[in-house]
Amino acid sequence: MNNRKLDKETSDKVSFVSFIIPNFASSYKMNIQDAYFYLKQYGGMDYLNKCWWALHTDNPFWAVRDIYEVCRKNGGTR
């Protein structure tokens, strides 16, 4: 069995993404799985992966709103 540990940045990124997706789901009345697929389909996950460091310093309300705006601009309708 491989016992490698994640580096700090990867660990922080995973923590933030696993925190913000349920927040997004709750804000837009979705279950977590639907929120993940919505974010994946409309570019929200790409945005999260690219900009997580800046988003994690913001209030979760504004981070969720920024992610929503990215999805809306890519065709998301929620």
PDB file of N, CA and C in Angstrom:
ATOM      1  N   MET A   1       0.845  -1.184   0.000  1.00  0.00           N
ATOM      2  CA  MET A   1       0.000   0.000   0.000  1.00  0.00           C
ATOM      3  C   MET A   1       0.885   1.240   0.000  1.00  0.00           C
ATOM      4  N   ASN A   2       0.509   2.212  -0.794  1.00  0.00           N
ATOM      5  CA  ASN A   2       1.270   3.444  -0.917  1.00  0.00           C
ATOM      6  C   ASN A   2       0.790   4.446   0.136  1.00  0.00           C
ATOM      7  N   ASN A   3       1.687   4.934   0.983  1.00  0.00           N
ATOM      8  CA  ASN A   3       1.325   5.845   2.069  1.00  0.00           C
ATOM      9  C   ASN A   3       1.773   7.271   1.800  1.00  0.00           C
ATOM     10  N   ARG A   4       1.655   7.743   0.571  1.00  0.00           N
ATOM     11  CA  ARG A   4       2.051   9.111   0.265  1.00  0.00           C
ATOM     12  C   ARG A   4       1.066  10.088   0.884  1.00  0.00           C
ATOM     13  N   LYS A   5       1.574  11.214   1.341  1.00  0.00           N
ATOM     14  CA  LYS A   5       0.732  12.278   1.876  1.00  0.00           C
ATOM     15  C   LYS A   5       0.571  13.358   0.816  1.00  0.00           C
ATOM     16  N   LEU A   6      -0.557  14.035   0.868  1.00  0.00           N
ATOM     17  CA  LEU A   6      -0.759  15.164  -0.034  1.00  0.00           C
ATOM     18  C   LEU A   6       0.075  16.339   0.455  1.00  0.00           C
ATOM     19  N   ASP A   7       0.588  17.129  -0.488  1.00  0.00           N
ATOM     20  CA  ASP A   7       1.285  18.343  -0.061  1.00  0.00           C
ATOM     21  C   ASP A   7       0.249  19.329   0.467  1.00  0.00           C
ATOM     22  N   LYS A   8       0.692  20.335   1.182  1.00  0.00           N
ATOM     23  CA  LYS A   8      -0.203  21.280   1.858  1.00  0.00           C
ATOM     24  C   LYS A   8      -1.148  21.965   0.880  1.00  0.00           C
ATOM     25  N   GLU A   9      -0.646  22.422  -0.255  1.00  0.00           N
ATOM     26  CA  GLU A   9      -1.490  23.128  -1.220  1.00  0.00           C
ATOM     27  C   GLU A   9      -2.595  22.222  -1.763  1.00  0.00           C
ATOM     28  N   THR A  10      -2.263  20.998  -2.089  1.00  0.00           N
ATOM     29  CA  THR A  10      -3.267  20.050  -2.594  1.00  0.00           C
ATOM     30  C   THR A  10      -4.301  19.753  -1.518  1.00  0.00           C
ATOM     31  N   SER A  11      -3.839  19.570  -0.307  1.00  0.00           N
ATOM     32  CA  SER A  11      -4.744  19.313   0.817  1.00  0.00           C
ATOM     33  C   SER A  11      -5.692  20.493   1.038  1.00  0.00           C
ATOM     34  N   ASP A  12      -5.153  21.722   0.984  1.00  0.00           N
ATOM     35  CA  ASP A  12      -5.982  22.917   1.150  1.00  0.00           C
ATOM     36  C   ASP A  12      -7.001  23.041   0.020  1.00  0.00           C
ATOM     37  N   LYS A  13      -6.581  22.724  -1.197  1.00  0.00           N
ATOM     38  CA  LYS A  13      -7.478  22.799  -2.351  1.00  0.00           C
ATOM     39  C   LYS A  13      -8.619  21.801  -2.211  1.00  0.00           C
ATOM     40  N   VAL A  14      -8.295  20.572  -1.844  1.00  0.00           N
ATOM     41  CA  VAL A  14      -9.318  19.537  -1.654  1.00  0.00           C
ATOM     42  C   VAL A  14     -10.291  19.961  -0.556  1.00  0.00           C
ATOM     43  N   SER A  15      -9.765  20.502   0.523  1.00  0.00           N
ATOM     44  CA  SER A  15     -10.622  20.967   1.626  1.00  0.00           C
ATOM     45  C   SER A  15     -11.571  22.067   1.163  1.00  0.00           C
ATOM     46  N   PHE A  16     -11.055  23.028   0.405  1.00  0.00           N
ATOM     47  CA  PHE A  16     -11.896  24.126  -0.051  1.00  0.00           C
ATOM     48  C   PHE A  16     -12.966  23.639  -1.024  1.00  0.00           C
ATOM     49  N   VAL A  17     -12.575  22.825  -1.985  1.00  0.00           N
ATOM     50  CA  VAL A  17     -13.537  22.334  -2.974  1.00  0.00           C
ATOM     51  C   VAL A  17     -14.619  21.501  -2.295  1.00  0.00           C
ATOM     52  N   SER A  18     -14.224  20.670  -1.336  1.00  0.00           N
ATOM     53  CA  SER A  18     -15.216  19.846  -0.636  1.00  0.00           C
ATOM     54  C   SER A  18     -16.077  20.674   0.315  1.00  0.00           C
ATOM     55  N   PHE A  19     -15.651  21.884   0.634  1.00  0.00           N
ATOM     56  CA  PHE A  19     -16.452  22.814   1.434  1.00  0.00           C
ATOM     57  C   PHE A  19     -17.400  23.627   0.549  1.00  0.00           C
ATOM     58  N   ILE A  20     -16.915  24.091  -0.598  1.00  0.00           N
ATOM     59  CA  ILE A  20     -17.688  25.052  -1.397  1.00  0.00           C
ATOM     60  C   ILE A  20     -18.775  24.379  -2.230  1.00  0.00           C
ATOM     61  N   ILE A  21     -18.587  23.141  -2.677  1.00  0.00           N
ATOM     62  CA  ILE A  21     -19.623  22.479  -3.470  1.00  0.00           C
ATOM     63  C   ILE A  21     -20.911  22.299  -2.666  1.00  0.00           C
ATOM     64  N   PRO A  22     -20.869  21.825  -1.412  1.00  0.00           N
ATOM     65  CA  PRO A  22     -22.111  21.764  -0.623  1.00  0.00           C
ATOM     66  C   PRO A  22     -22.726  23.145  -0.375  1.00  0.00           C
ATOM     67  N   ASN A  23     -21.888  24.168  -0.230  1.00  0.00           N
ATOM     68  CA  ASN A  23     -22.417  25.523  -0.079  1.00  0.00           C
ATOM     69  C   ASN A  23     -23.138  25.965  -1.341  1.00  0.00           C
ATOM     70  N   PHE A  24     -22.547  25.665  -2.488  1.00  0.00           N
ATOM     71  CA  PHE A  24     -23.180  25.986  -3.763  1.00  0.00           C
ATOM     72  C   PHE A  24     -24.508  25.247  -3.879  1.00  0.00           C
ATOM     73  N   ALA A  25     -24.496  23.966  -3.554  1.00  0.00           N
ATOM     74  CA  ALA A  25     -25.710  23.145  -3.628  1.00  0.00           C
ATOM     75  C   ALA A  25     -26.811  23.723  -2.743  1.00  0.00           C
ATOM     76  N   SER A  26     -26.466  24.068  -1.545  1.00  0.00           N
ATOM     77  CA  SER A  26     -27.441  24.630  -0.612  1.00  0.00           C
ATOM     78  C   SER A  26     -27.987  25.970  -1.112  1.00  0.00           C
ATOM     79  N   SER A  27     -27.109  26.806  -1.618  1.00  0.00           N
ATOM     80  CA  SER A  27     -27.524  28.132  -2.094  1.00  0.00           C
ATOM     81  C   SER A  27     -28.495  28.063  -3.264  1.00  0.00           C
ATOM     82  N   TYR A  28     -28.337  27.055  -4.104  1.00  0.00           N
ATOM     83  CA  TYR A  28     -29.174  26.953  -5.294  1.00  0.00           C
ATOM     84  C   TYR A  28     -30.136  25.770  -5.242  1.00  0.00           C
ATOM     85  N   LYS A  29     -30.423  25.306  -4.016  1.00  0.00           N
ATOM     86  CA  LYS A  29     -31.437  24.260  -3.782  1.00  0.00           C
ATOM     87  C   LYS A  29     -31.207  23.020  -4.642  1.00  0.00           C
ATOM     88  N   MET A  30     -29.979  22.509  -4.584  1.00  0.00           N
ATOM     89  CA  MET A  30     -29.607  21.310  -5.327  1.00  0.00           C
ATOM     90  C   MET A  30     -29.037  20.299  -4.340  1.00  0.00           C
ATOM     91  N   ASN A  31     -29.057  19.025  -4.727  1.00  0.00           N
ATOM     92  CA  ASN A  31     -28.299  18.091  -3.904  1.00  0.00           C
ATOM     93  C   ASN A  31     -26.836  18.187  -4.347  1.00  0.00           C
ATOM     94  N   ILE A  32     -25.940  17.665  -3.543  1.00  0.00           N
ATOM     95  CA  ILE A  32     -24.508  17.845  -3.789  1.00  0.00           C
ATOM     96  C   ILE A  32     -24.076  17.213  -5.106  1.00  0.00           C
ATOM     97  N   GLN A  33     -24.605  16.054  -5.431  1.00  0.00           N
ATOM     98  CA  GLN A  33     -24.227  15.389  -6.684  1.00  0.00           C
ATOM     99  C   GLN A  33     -24.674  16.215  -7.888  1.00  0.00           C
ATOM    100  N   ASP A  34     -25.905  16.727  -7.862  1.00  0.00           N
ATOM    101  CA  ASP A  34     -26.387  17.565  -8.964  1.00  0.00           C
ATOM    102  C   ASP A  34     -25.557  18.837  -9.081  1.00  0.00           C
ATOM    103  N   ALA A  35     -25.178  19.412  -7.949  1.00  0.00           N
ATOM    104  CA  ALA A  35     -24.351  20.623  -7.962  1.00  0.00           C
ATOM    105  C   ALA A  35     -23.001  20.332  -8.622  1.00  0.00           C
ATOM    106  N   TYR A  36     -22.396  19.204  -8.261  1.00  0.00           N
ATOM    107  CA  TYR A  36     -21.113  18.838  -8.860  1.00  0.00           C
ATOM    108  C   TYR A  36     -21.244  18.705 -10.375  1.00  0.00           C
ATOM    109  N   PHE A  37     -22.261  17.990 -10.842  1.00  0.00           N
ATOM    110  CA  PHE A  37     -22.432  17.804 -12.285  1.00  0.00           C
ATOM    111  C   PHE A  37     -22.768  19.121 -12.992  1.00  0.00           C
ATOM    112  N   TYR A  38     -23.531  19.982 -12.338  1.00  0.00           N
ATOM    113  CA  TYR A  38     -23.834  21.302 -12.889  1.00  0.00           C
ATOM    114  C   TYR A  38     -22.533  22.102 -13.037  1.00  0.00           C
ATOM    115  N   LEU A  39     -21.734  22.118 -11.983  1.00  0.00           N
ATOM    116  CA  LEU A  39     -20.467  22.848 -12.026  1.00  0.00           C
ATOM    117  C   LEU A  39     -19.540  22.270 -13.090  1.00  0.00           C
ATOM    118  N   LYS A  40     -19.511  20.983 -13.216  1.00  0.00           N
ATOM    119  CA  LYS A  40     -18.675  20.325 -14.224  1.00  0.00           C
ATOM    120  C   LYS A  40     -19.146  20.687 -15.635  1.00  0.00           C
ATOM    121  N   GLN A  41     -20.460  20.662 -15.850  1.00  0.00           N
ATOM    122  CA  GLN A  41     -21.013  20.924 -17.181  1.00  0.00           C
ATOM    123  C   GLN A  41     -20.824  22.371 -17.632  1.00  0.00           C
ATOM    124  N   TYR A  42     -20.929  23.319 -16.693  1.00  0.00           N
ATOM    125  CA  TYR A  42     -20.921  24.731 -17.073  1.00  0.00           C
ATOM    126  C   TYR A  42     -19.647  25.482 -16.692  1.00  0.00           C
ATOM    127  N   GLY A  43     -18.564  24.769 -16.471  1.00  0.00           N
ATOM    128  CA  GLY A  43     -17.267  25.411 -16.271  1.00  0.00           C
ATOM    129  C   GLY A  43     -16.948  25.829 -14.852  1.00  0.00           C
ATOM    130  N   GLY A  44     -17.838  25.561 -13.926  1.00  0.00           N
ATOM    131  CA  GLY A  44     -17.583  25.938 -12.540  1.00  0.00           C
ATOM    132  C   GLY A  44     -16.434  25.171 -11.914  1.00  0.00           C
ATOM    133  N   MET A  45     -16.306  23.893 -12.237  1.00  0.00           N
ATOM    134  CA  MET A  45     -15.209  23.098 -11.683  1.00  0.00           C
ATOM    135  C   MET A  45     -13.865  23.548 -12.264  1.00  0.00           C
ATOM    136  N   ASP A  46     -13.839  23.878 -13.541  1.00  0.00           N
ATOM    137  CA  ASP A  46     -12.600  24.397 -14.132  1.00  0.00           C
ATOM    138  C   ASP A  46     -12.195  25.691 -13.442  1.00  0.00           C
ATOM    139  N   TYR A  47     -13.182  26.557 -13.219  1.00  0.00           N
ATOM    140  CA  TYR A  47     -12.927  27.821 -12.528  1.00  0.00           C
ATOM    141  C   TYR A  47     -12.444  27.571 -11.103  1.00  0.00           C
ATOM    142  N   LEU A  48     -13.087  26.648 -10.404  1.00  0.00           N
ATOM    143  CA  LEU A  48     -12.665  26.297  -9.046  1.00  0.00           C
ATOM    144  C   LEU A  48     -11.231  25.784  -9.030  1.00  0.00           C
ATOM    145  N   ASN A  49     -10.903  24.886  -9.943  1.00  0.00           N
ATOM    146  CA  ASN A  49      -9.551  24.333  -9.990  1.00  0.00           C
ATOM    147  C   ASN A  49      -8.510  25.395 -10.308  1.00  0.00           C
ATOM    148  N   LYS A  50      -8.870  26.345 -11.139  1.00  0.00           N
ATOM    149  CA  LYS A  50      -7.932  27.378 -11.543  1.00  0.00           C
ATOM    150  C   LYS A  50      -7.817  28.509 -10.520  1.00  0.00           C
ATOM    151  N   CYS A  51      -8.919  28.876  -9.896  1.00  0.00           N
ATOM    152  CA  CYS A  51      -8.964  30.078  -9.048  1.00  0.00           C
ATOM    153  C   CYS A  51      -9.268  29.800  -7.583  1.00  0.00           C
ATOM    154  N   TRP A  52      -9.114  28.575  -7.138  1.00  0.00           N
ATOM    155  CA  TRP A  52      -9.502  28.232  -5.774  1.00  0.00           C
ATOM    156  C   TRP A  52      -8.766  29.071  -4.746  1.00  0.00           C
ATOM    157  N   TRP A  53      -7.510  29.399  -5.021  1.00  0.00           N
ATOM    158  CA  TRP A  53      -6.724  30.136  -4.032  1.00  0.00           C
ATOM    159  C   TRP A  53      -7.340  31.514  -3.758  1.00  0.00           C
ATOM    160  N   ALA A  54      -7.752  32.213  -4.783  1.00  0.00           N
ATOM    161  CA  ALA A  54      -8.385  33.518  -4.595  1.00  0.00           C
ATOM    162  C   ALA A  54      -9.779  33.363  -3.988  1.00  0.00           C
ATOM    163  N   LEU A  55     -10.535  32.378  -4.447  1.00  0.00           N
ATOM    164  CA  LEU A  55     -11.893  32.167  -3.943  1.00  0.00           C
ATOM    165  C   LEU A  55     -11.906  31.811  -2.459  1.00  0.00           C
ATOM    166  N   HIS A  56     -10.917  31.067  -2.012  1.00  0.00           N
ATOM    167  CA  HIS A  56     -10.945  30.627  -0.611  1.00  0.00           C
ATOM    168  C   HIS A  56     -10.695  31.771   0.363  1.00  0.00           C
ATOM    169  N   THR A  57     -10.167  32.890  -0.129  1.00  0.00           N
ATOM    170  CA  THR A  57      -9.934  34.035   0.753  1.00  0.00           C
ATOM    171  C   THR A  57     -11.173  34.913   0.883  1.00  0.00           C
ATOM    172  N   ASP A  58     -12.163  34.659   0.054  1.00  0.00           N
ATOM    173  CA  ASP A  58     -13.385  35.462   0.029  1.00  0.00           C
ATOM    174  C   ASP A  58     -14.443  34.850   0.950  1.00  0.00           C
ATOM    175  N   ASN A  59     -15.438  35.632   1.249  1.00  0.00           N
ATOM    176  CA  ASN A  59     -16.590  35.150   1.998  1.00  0.00           C
ATOM    177  C   ASN A  59     -17.246  34.049   1.156  1.00  0.00           C
ATOM    178  N   PRO A  60     -17.660  32.936   1.770  1.00  0.00           N
ATOM    179  CA  PRO A  60     -18.270  31.853   0.988  1.00  0.00           C
ATOM    180  C   PRO A  60     -19.458  32.313   0.136  1.00  0.00           C
ATOM    181  N   PHE A  61     -20.246  33.276   0.623  1.00  0.00           N
ATOM    182  CA  PHE A  61     -21.367  33.802  -0.158  1.00  0.00           C
ATOM    183  C   PHE A  61     -20.877  34.346  -1.499  1.00  0.00           C
ATOM    184  N   TRP A  62     -19.813  35.147  -1.453  1.00  0.00           N
ATOM    185  CA  TRP A  62     -19.306  35.764  -2.679  1.00  0.00           C
ATOM    186  C   TRP A  62     -18.582  34.749  -3.555  1.00  0.00           C
ATOM    187  N   ALA A  63     -17.920  33.788  -2.956  1.00  0.00           N
ATOM    188  CA  ALA A  63     -17.263  32.737  -3.744  1.00  0.00           C
ATOM    189  C   ALA A  63     -18.302  31.934  -4.526  1.00  0.00           C
ATOM    190  N   VAL A  64     -19.393  31.555  -3.855  1.00  0.00           N
ATOM    191  CA  VAL A  64     -20.470  30.810  -4.521  1.00  0.00           C
ATOM    192  C   VAL A  64     -21.072  31.656  -5.634  1.00  0.00           C
ATOM    193  N   ARG A  65     -21.268  32.917  -5.371  1.00  0.00           N
ATOM    194  CA  ARG A  65     -21.843  33.813  -6.382  1.00  0.00           C
ATOM    195  C   ARG A  65     -20.918  33.948  -7.597  1.00  0.00           C
ATOM    196  N   ASP A  66     -19.616  34.060  -7.356  1.00  0.00           N
ATOM    197  CA  ASP A  66     -18.659  34.138  -8.464  1.00  0.00           C
ATOM    198  C   ASP A  66     -18.701  32.861  -9.311  1.00  0.00           C
ATOM    199  N   ILE A  67     -18.758  31.722  -8.650  1.00  0.00           N
ATOM    200  CA  ILE A  67     -18.823  30.445  -9.364  1.00  0.00           C
ATOM    201  C   ILE A  67     -20.117  30.368 -10.172  1.00  0.00           C
ATOM    202  N   TYR A  68     -21.217  30.820  -9.573  1.00  0.00           N
ATOM    203  CA  TYR A  68     -22.495  30.834 -10.285  1.00  0.00           C
ATOM    204  C   TYR A  68     -22.409  31.705 -11.549  1.00  0.00           C
ATOM    205  N   GLU A  69     -21.784  32.864 -11.432  1.00  0.00           N
ATOM    206  CA  GLU A  69     -21.674  33.774 -12.575  1.00  0.00           C
ATOM    207  C   GLU A  69     -20.876  33.130 -13.718  1.00  0.00           C
ATOM    208  N   VAL A  70     -19.836  32.404 -13.383  1.00  0.00           N
ATOM    209  CA  VAL A  70     -19.068  31.689 -14.402  1.00  0.00           C
ATOM    210  C   VAL A  70     -19.969  30.672 -15.113  1.00  0.00           C
ATOM    211  N   CYS A  71     -20.723  29.918 -14.320  1.00  0.00           N
ATOM    212  CA  CYS A  71     -21.629  28.911 -14.908  1.00  0.00           C
ATOM    213  C   CYS A  71     -22.695  29.573 -15.771  1.00  0.00           C
ATOM    214  N   ARG A  72     -23.257  30.671 -15.286  1.00  0.00           N
ATOM    215  CA  ARG A  72     -24.300  31.376 -16.047  1.00  0.00           C
ATOM    216  C   ARG A  72     -23.761  31.843 -17.385  1.00  0.00           C
ATOM    217  N   LYS A  73     -22.555  32.389 -17.378  1.00  0.00           N
ATOM    218  CA  LYS A  73     -21.938  32.856 -18.630  1.00  0.00           C
ATOM    219  C   LYS A  73     -21.641  31.705 -19.595  1.00  0.00           C
ATOM    220  N   ASN A  74     -21.560  30.497 -19.070  1.00  0.00           N
ATOM    221  CA  ASN A  74     -21.307  29.317 -19.913  1.00  0.00           C
ATOM    222  C   ASN A  74     -22.573  28.528 -20.206  1.00  0.00           C
ATOM    223  N   GLY A  75     -23.738  29.137 -19.982  1.00  0.00           N
ATOM    224  CA  GLY A  75     -25.001  28.501 -20.354  1.00  0.00           C
ATOM    225  C   GLY A  75     -25.819  27.919 -19.224  1.00  0.00           C
ATOM    226  N   GLY A  76     -25.322  27.983 -17.990  1.00  0.00           N
ATOM    227  CA  GLY A  76     -26.074  27.479 -16.849  1.00  0.00           C
ATOM    228  C   GLY A  76     -27.306  28.351 -16.594  1.00  0.00           C
ATOM    229  N   THR A  77     -28.403  27.730 -16.213  1.00  0.00           N
ATOM    230  CA  THR A  77     -29.643  28.479 -16.082  1.00  0.00           C
ATOM    231  C   THR A  77     -30.234  28.473 -14.679  1.00  0.00           C
ATOM    232  N   ARG A  78     -29.551  27.939 -13.707  1.00  0.00           N
ATOM    233  CA  ARG A  78     -30.105  27.877 -12.357  1.00  0.00           C
ATOM    234  C   ARG A  78     -30.072  29.206 -11.683  1.00  0.00           C
TER     235      ARG A  78
END
